Amino acid sequence: QVQFTESGGGSVQPGGSLTLSCTASGSITKIWTLGWYRQTPGGQRELVALIYGESQTNYEGSAKGRFTISRDNTKNTLFLQMNELQPEDTAVYYCNSVPYNAWGQGTHVTVSR
């Protein structure tokens, strides 16, 4: 079973940018669908973005137009470029495959003045 490790979170001001990384413990070449999810304190985990194959993508809600999901199979890594961050983007961000493998620890993103 593949394990995922997220990194790249931090604290930024509104309007700022962050790039999250998700490194898998094994090859992701044969994993067709990968995704980023986020969870706010007291909230449920929600889908942010999916990538199918090399480059077909889908974004949920406010992520559209601001976030970009991508993957590098040679490095077994998934990315999430986040621009124009807003306080409502504050959450713990996770990555996973579809179907799911085990969830990692996530990476914290805080957007505040």
N, C-alpha and C. Protein backbone atom coordinates (compact mmCIF):
# COMPACT_ATOMS: atom_id res chain seq x y z
N GLN A 1 0.84 -1.18 0.00
CA GLN A 1 0.00 0.00 0.00
C GLN A 1 0.88 1.25 0.00
N VAL A 2 0.54 2.21 -0.84
CA VAL A 2 1.32 3.44 -0.94
C VAL A 2 0.99 4.35 0.23
N GLN A 3 2.03 4.96 0.77
CA GLN A 3 1.83 5.98 1.82
C GLN A 3 2.22 7.34 1.26
N PHE A 4 1.47 8.35 1.67
CA PHE A 4 1.68 9.70 1.18
C PHE A 4 2.18 10.61 2.29
N THR A 5 3.12 11.48 1.96
CA THR A 5 3.65 12.45 2.90
C THR A 5 3.51 13.84 2.30
N GLU A 6 2.72 14.68 2.97
CA GLU A 6 2.47 16.04 2.49
C GLU A 6 3.46 17.02 3.11
N SER A 7 3.78 18.05 2.37
CA SER A 7 4.68 19.10 2.88
C SER A 7 4.40 20.39 2.14
N GLY A 8 5.00 21.47 2.63
CA GLY A 8 4.90 22.75 1.94
C GLY A 8 3.92 23.73 2.55
N GLY A 9 3.20 23.31 3.58
CA GLY A 9 2.26 24.22 4.22
C GLY A 9 2.97 25.32 4.98
N GLY A 10 2.21 26.28 5.47
CA GLY A 10 2.78 27.37 6.23
C GLY A 10 1.76 28.46 6.47
N SER A 11 2.24 29.60 6.90
CA SER A 11 1.38 30.75 7.18
C SER A 11 1.65 31.84 6.15
N VAL A 12 0.60 32.33 5.55
CA VAL A 12 0.73 33.39 4.55
C VAL A 12 -0.36 34.42 4.77
N GLN A 13 -0.16 35.58 4.21
CA GLN A 13 -1.18 36.63 4.25
C GLN A 13 -2.16 36.44 3.11
N PRO A 14 -3.36 36.99 3.25
CA PRO A 14 -4.32 36.92 2.15
C PRO A 14 -3.71 37.45 0.86
N GLY A 15 -3.97 36.75 -0.22
CA GLY A 15 -3.39 37.10 -1.51
C GLY A 15 -2.09 36.40 -1.80
N GLY A 16 -1.54 35.71 -0.81
CA GLY A 16 -0.27 35.03 -0.98
C GLY A 16 -0.40 33.69 -1.68
N SER A 17 0.74 33.03 -1.86
CA SER A 17 0.80 31.77 -2.58
C SER A 17 1.59 30.73 -1.80
N LEU A 18 1.25 29.49 -2.02
CA LEU A 18 1.99 28.35 -1.48
C LEU A 18 1.94 27.23 -2.49
N THR A 19 2.97 26.40 -2.48
CA THR A 19 2.96 25.18 -3.28
C THR A 19 3.13 23.99 -2.34
N LEU A 20 2.14 23.13 -2.35
CA LEU A 20 2.18 21.92 -1.54
C LEU A 20 2.74 20.77 -2.36
N SER A 21 3.45 19.87 -1.67
CA SER A 21 3.98 18.66 -2.30
C SER A 21 3.47 17.44 -1.56
N CYS A 22 3.34 16.37 -2.28
CA CYS A 22 2.90 15.10 -1.70
C CYS A 22 3.77 14.02 -2.32
N THR A 23 4.60 13.40 -1.51
CA THR A 23 5.51 12.37 -2.00
C THR A 23 5.00 11.00 -1.58
N ALA A 24 4.93 10.11 -2.54
CA ALA A 24 4.47 8.75 -2.28
C ALA A 24 5.63 7.83 -1.95
N SER A 25 5.34 6.80 -1.16
CA SER A 25 6.38 5.85 -0.75
C SER A 25 6.74 4.89 -1.88
N GLY A 26 5.91 4.83 -2.90
CA GLY A 26 6.17 3.98 -4.04
C GLY A 26 5.76 4.68 -5.32
N SER A 27 5.82 3.93 -6.39
CA SER A 27 5.52 4.50 -7.69
C SER A 27 4.05 4.93 -7.80
N ILE A 28 3.83 6.09 -8.41
CA ILE A 28 2.46 6.54 -8.66
C ILE A 28 2.12 6.42 -10.15
N THR A 29 3.01 5.85 -10.91
CA THR A 29 2.82 5.76 -12.35
C THR A 29 1.51 5.07 -12.72
N LYS A 30 1.17 4.03 -11.97
CA LYS A 30 -0.04 3.26 -12.29
C LYS A 30 -1.26 3.73 -11.52
N ILE A 31 -1.11 4.80 -10.76
CA ILE A 31 -2.27 5.37 -10.05
C ILE A 31 -2.89 6.42 -10.95
N TRP A 32 -4.05 6.11 -11.53
CA TRP A 32 -4.65 7.01 -12.52
C TRP A 32 -5.10 8.33 -11.90
N THR A 33 -5.79 8.24 -10.77
CA THR A 33 -6.37 9.44 -10.16
C THR A 33 -5.74 9.74 -8.81
N LEU A 34 -5.28 10.97 -8.67
CA LEU A 34 -4.75 11.47 -7.41
C LEU A 34 -5.47 12.77 -7.07
N GLY A 35 -5.56 13.05 -5.78
CA GLY A 35 -6.29 14.24 -5.39
C GLY A 35 -5.74 14.93 -4.17
N TRP A 36 -6.11 16.20 -4.05
CA TRP A 36 -5.85 16.98 -2.85
C TRP A 36 -7.18 17.22 -2.13
N TYR A 37 -7.14 17.13 -0.81
CA TYR A 37 -8.30 17.32 0.03
C TYR A 37 -7.91 18.26 1.17
N ARG A 38 -8.89 18.83 1.84
CA ARG A 38 -8.58 19.67 2.99
C ARG A 38 -9.66 19.51 4.06
N GLN A 39 -9.23 19.80 5.29
CA GLN A 39 -10.14 19.67 6.42
C GLN A 39 -9.91 20.82 7.39
N THR A 40 -10.97 21.54 7.69
CA THR A 40 -10.90 22.61 8.67
C THR A 40 -11.22 22.06 10.05
N PRO A 41 -10.79 22.75 11.11
CA PRO A 41 -11.11 22.28 12.46
C PRO A 41 -12.61 22.12 12.65
N GLY A 42 -13.02 20.96 13.06
CA GLY A 42 -14.43 20.70 13.26
C GLY A 42 -15.21 20.41 12.00
N GLY A 43 -14.53 20.47 10.87
CA GLY A 43 -15.20 20.24 9.60
C GLY A 43 -14.88 18.88 9.01
N GLN A 44 -15.56 18.55 7.94
CA GLN A 44 -15.30 17.29 7.26
C GLN A 44 -14.23 17.48 6.19
N ARG A 45 -13.56 16.42 5.86
CA ARG A 45 -12.58 16.47 4.80
C ARG A 45 -13.31 16.66 3.47
N GLU A 46 -12.82 17.59 2.67
CA GLU A 46 -13.48 17.88 1.40
C GLU A 46 -12.48 17.84 0.25
N LEU A 47 -12.99 17.54 -0.91
CA LEU A 47 -12.16 17.47 -2.10
C LEU A 47 -11.80 18.88 -2.57
N VAL A 48 -10.54 19.05 -2.96
CA VAL A 48 -10.08 20.32 -3.51
C VAL A 48 -9.85 20.19 -5.01
N ALA A 49 -9.10 19.16 -5.40
CA ALA A 49 -8.75 19.01 -6.82
C ALA A 49 -8.36 17.57 -7.10
N LEU A 50 -8.60 17.14 -8.33
CA LEU A 50 -8.22 15.81 -8.81
C LEU A 50 -7.41 15.94 -10.08
N ILE A 51 -6.51 14.99 -10.28
CA ILE A 51 -5.81 14.88 -11.55
C ILE A 51 -5.96 13.45 -12.04
N TYR A 52 -6.35 13.32 -13.31
CA TYR A 52 -6.55 12.03 -13.94
C TYR A 52 -5.45 11.82 -14.97
N GLY A 53 -4.73 10.72 -14.83
CA GLY A 53 -3.64 10.49 -15.77
C GLY A 53 -2.58 11.57 -15.63
N GLU A 54 -2.02 11.97 -16.76
CA GLU A 54 -0.93 12.94 -16.73
C GLU A 54 -1.40 14.36 -16.47
N SER A 55 -2.57 14.74 -17.02
CA SER A 55 -2.84 16.17 -16.97
C SER A 55 -4.31 16.58 -16.93
N GLN A 56 -5.25 15.67 -17.01
CA GLN A 56 -6.66 16.07 -16.94
C GLN A 56 -7.01 16.39 -15.50
N THR A 57 -7.59 17.55 -15.28
CA THR A 57 -7.82 18.01 -13.92
C THR A 57 -9.27 18.41 -13.66
N ASN A 58 -9.61 18.45 -12.38
CA ASN A 58 -10.94 18.90 -11.96
C ASN A 58 -10.78 19.61 -10.62
N TYR A 59 -11.46 20.75 -10.49
CA TYR A 59 -11.35 21.54 -9.28
C TYR A 59 -12.74 21.75 -8.68
N GLU A 60 -12.77 21.82 -7.36
CA GLU A 60 -14.01 22.04 -6.65
C GLU A 60 -14.11 23.48 -6.18
N GLY A 61 -15.30 24.04 -6.30
CA GLY A 61 -15.64 25.32 -5.71
C GLY A 61 -14.63 26.43 -5.91
N SER A 62 -14.18 26.99 -4.78
CA SER A 62 -13.32 28.17 -4.82
C SER A 62 -11.90 27.87 -5.30
N ALA A 63 -11.55 26.62 -5.46
CA ALA A 63 -10.23 26.27 -5.97
C ALA A 63 -10.10 26.59 -7.46
N LYS A 64 -11.21 26.64 -8.14
CA LYS A 64 -11.19 26.91 -9.58
C LYS A 64 -10.58 28.28 -9.87
N GLY A 65 -9.61 28.29 -10.78
CA GLY A 65 -8.99 29.55 -11.17
C GLY A 65 -7.89 30.03 -10.25
N ARG A 66 -7.76 29.41 -9.06
CA ARG A 66 -6.71 29.84 -8.13
C ARG A 66 -5.68 28.75 -7.86
N PHE A 67 -6.11 27.50 -7.89
CA PHE A 67 -5.23 26.37 -7.57
C PHE A 67 -4.91 25.58 -8.84
N THR A 68 -3.72 24.97 -8.85
CA THR A 68 -3.32 24.12 -9.96
C THR A 68 -2.74 22.83 -9.41
N ILE A 69 -3.33 21.71 -9.79
CA ILE A 69 -2.81 20.40 -9.39
C ILE A 69 -1.97 19.85 -10.52
N SER A 70 -0.87 19.20 -10.15
CA SER A 70 0.00 18.59 -11.15
C SER A 70 0.73 17.42 -10.52
N ARG A 71 1.37 16.62 -11.35
CA ARG A 71 2.08 15.45 -10.85
C ARG A 71 3.37 15.25 -11.62
N ASP A 72 4.34 14.65 -10.94
CA ASP A 72 5.61 14.26 -11.57
C ASP A 72 5.82 12.80 -11.24
N ASN A 73 5.46 11.94 -12.18
CA ASN A 73 5.57 10.50 -11.92
C ASN A 73 7.01 10.06 -11.72
N THR A 74 7.97 10.76 -12.30
CA THR A 74 9.37 10.37 -12.15
C THR A 74 9.84 10.58 -10.72
N LYS A 75 9.17 11.48 -10.01
CA LYS A 75 9.53 11.76 -8.61
C LYS A 75 8.48 11.26 -7.63
N ASN A 76 7.48 10.55 -8.15
CA ASN A 76 6.39 10.04 -7.30
C ASN A 76 5.78 11.14 -6.45
N THR A 77 5.57 12.28 -7.05
CA THR A 77 5.14 13.46 -6.30
C THR A 77 3.95 14.15 -6.97
N LEU A 78 3.05 14.58 -6.13
CA LEU A 78 1.87 15.36 -6.52
C LEU A 78 2.04 16.77 -5.96
N PHE A 79 1.59 17.76 -6.73
CA PHE A 79 1.74 19.15 -6.31
C PHE A 79 0.38 19.86 -6.29
N LEU A 80 0.32 20.92 -5.48
CA LEU A 80 -0.82 21.82 -5.52
C LEU A 80 -0.30 23.25 -5.38
N GLN A 81 -0.34 23.96 -6.50
CA GLN A 81 0.04 25.37 -6.50
C GLN A 81 -1.20 26.16 -6.10
N MET A 82 -1.09 26.96 -5.05
CA MET A 82 -2.23 27.73 -4.56
C MET A 82 -1.91 29.21 -4.62
N ASN A 83 -2.70 29.94 -5.36
CA ASN A 83 -2.54 31.39 -5.49
C ASN A 83 -3.74 32.12 -4.92
N GLU A 84 -3.56 33.39 -4.67
CA GLU A 84 -4.65 34.24 -4.17
C GLU A 84 -5.32 33.61 -2.95
N LEU A 85 -4.51 33.15 -2.04
CA LEU A 85 -5.04 32.47 -0.86
C LEU A 85 -5.87 33.43 -0.01
N GLN A 86 -6.94 32.86 0.58
CA GLN A 86 -7.85 33.62 1.41
C GLN A 86 -7.99 32.93 2.77
N PRO A 87 -8.43 33.65 3.80
CA PRO A 87 -8.58 33.03 5.12
C PRO A 87 -9.41 31.75 5.11
N GLU A 88 -10.38 31.67 4.22
CA GLU A 88 -11.21 30.47 4.18
C GLU A 88 -10.48 29.26 3.60
N ASP A 89 -9.26 29.47 3.09
CA ASP A 89 -8.44 28.35 2.64
C ASP A 89 -7.67 27.71 3.78
N THR A 90 -7.74 28.31 4.96
CA THR A 90 -7.05 27.76 6.13
C THR A 90 -7.59 26.37 6.44
N ALA A 91 -6.68 25.39 6.48
CA ALA A 91 -7.09 24.01 6.69
C ALA A 91 -5.84 23.13 6.75
N VAL A 92 -6.05 21.87 7.06
CA VAL A 92 -5.02 20.86 6.88
C VAL A 92 -5.26 20.22 5.52
N TYR A 93 -4.23 20.17 4.70
CA TYR A 93 -4.34 19.66 3.34
C TYR A 93 -3.73 18.26 3.27
N TYR A 94 -4.45 17.37 2.61
CA TYR A 94 -4.04 15.99 2.45
C TYR A 94 -4.05 15.62 0.97
N CYS A 95 -3.26 14.60 0.65
CA CYS A 95 -3.34 14.04 -0.69
C CYS A 95 -3.70 12.56 -0.55
N ASN A 96 -4.25 12.02 -1.62
CA ASN A 96 -4.56 10.60 -1.63
C ASN A 96 -4.87 10.17 -3.04
N SER A 97 -4.89 8.89 -3.22
CA SER A 97 -5.27 8.32 -4.51
C SER A 97 -6.76 8.04 -4.50
N VAL A 98 -7.27 7.71 -5.67
CA VAL A 98 -8.64 7.23 -5.79
C VAL A 98 -8.58 5.89 -6.52
N PRO A 99 -9.01 4.78 -5.91
CA PRO A 99 -9.51 4.65 -4.53
C PRO A 99 -8.45 5.02 -3.49
N TYR A 100 -8.93 5.24 -2.28
CA TYR A 100 -8.04 5.73 -1.23
C TYR A 100 -7.02 4.70 -0.78
N ASN A 101 -5.82 5.22 -0.46
CA ASN A 101 -4.87 4.52 0.38
C ASN A 101 -4.97 5.13 1.78
N ALA A 102 -4.05 4.80 2.66
CA ALA A 102 -4.08 5.37 4.00
C ALA A 102 -3.83 6.88 3.91
N TRP A 103 -4.45 7.62 4.82
CA TRP A 103 -4.25 9.06 4.86
C TRP A 103 -2.96 9.40 5.59
N GLY A 104 -2.26 10.42 5.09
CA GLY A 104 -1.05 10.89 5.75
C GLY A 104 -1.38 11.87 6.86
N GLN A 105 -0.35 12.55 7.35
CA GLN A 105 -0.53 13.51 8.44
C GLN A 105 -1.05 14.85 7.96
N GLY A 106 -0.92 15.12 6.70
CA GLY A 106 -1.38 16.39 6.16
C GLY A 106 -0.36 17.49 6.40
N THR A 107 -0.62 18.64 5.78
CA THR A 107 0.22 19.80 5.97
C THR A 107 -0.69 21.01 6.25
N HIS A 108 -0.31 21.81 7.24
CA HIS A 108 -1.17 22.90 7.69
C HIS A 108 -0.97 24.15 6.84
N VAL A 109 -2.06 24.74 6.44
CA VAL A 109 -2.04 26.02 5.73
C VAL A 109 -2.86 27.01 6.53
N THR A 110 -2.24 28.14 6.87
CA THR A 110 -2.93 29.20 7.61
C THR A 110 -2.84 30.49 6.81
N VAL A 111 -3.98 31.10 6.55
CA VAL A 111 -4.02 32.35 5.81
C VAL A 111 -4.64 33.40 6.72
N SER A 112 -3.83 34.37 7.13
CA SER A 112 -4.33 35.42 8.02
C SER A 112 -3.45 36.64 7.90
N ARG A 113 -4.00 37.78 8.38
CA ARG A 113 -3.24 39.04 8.32
C ARG A 113 -2.24 39.10 9.45
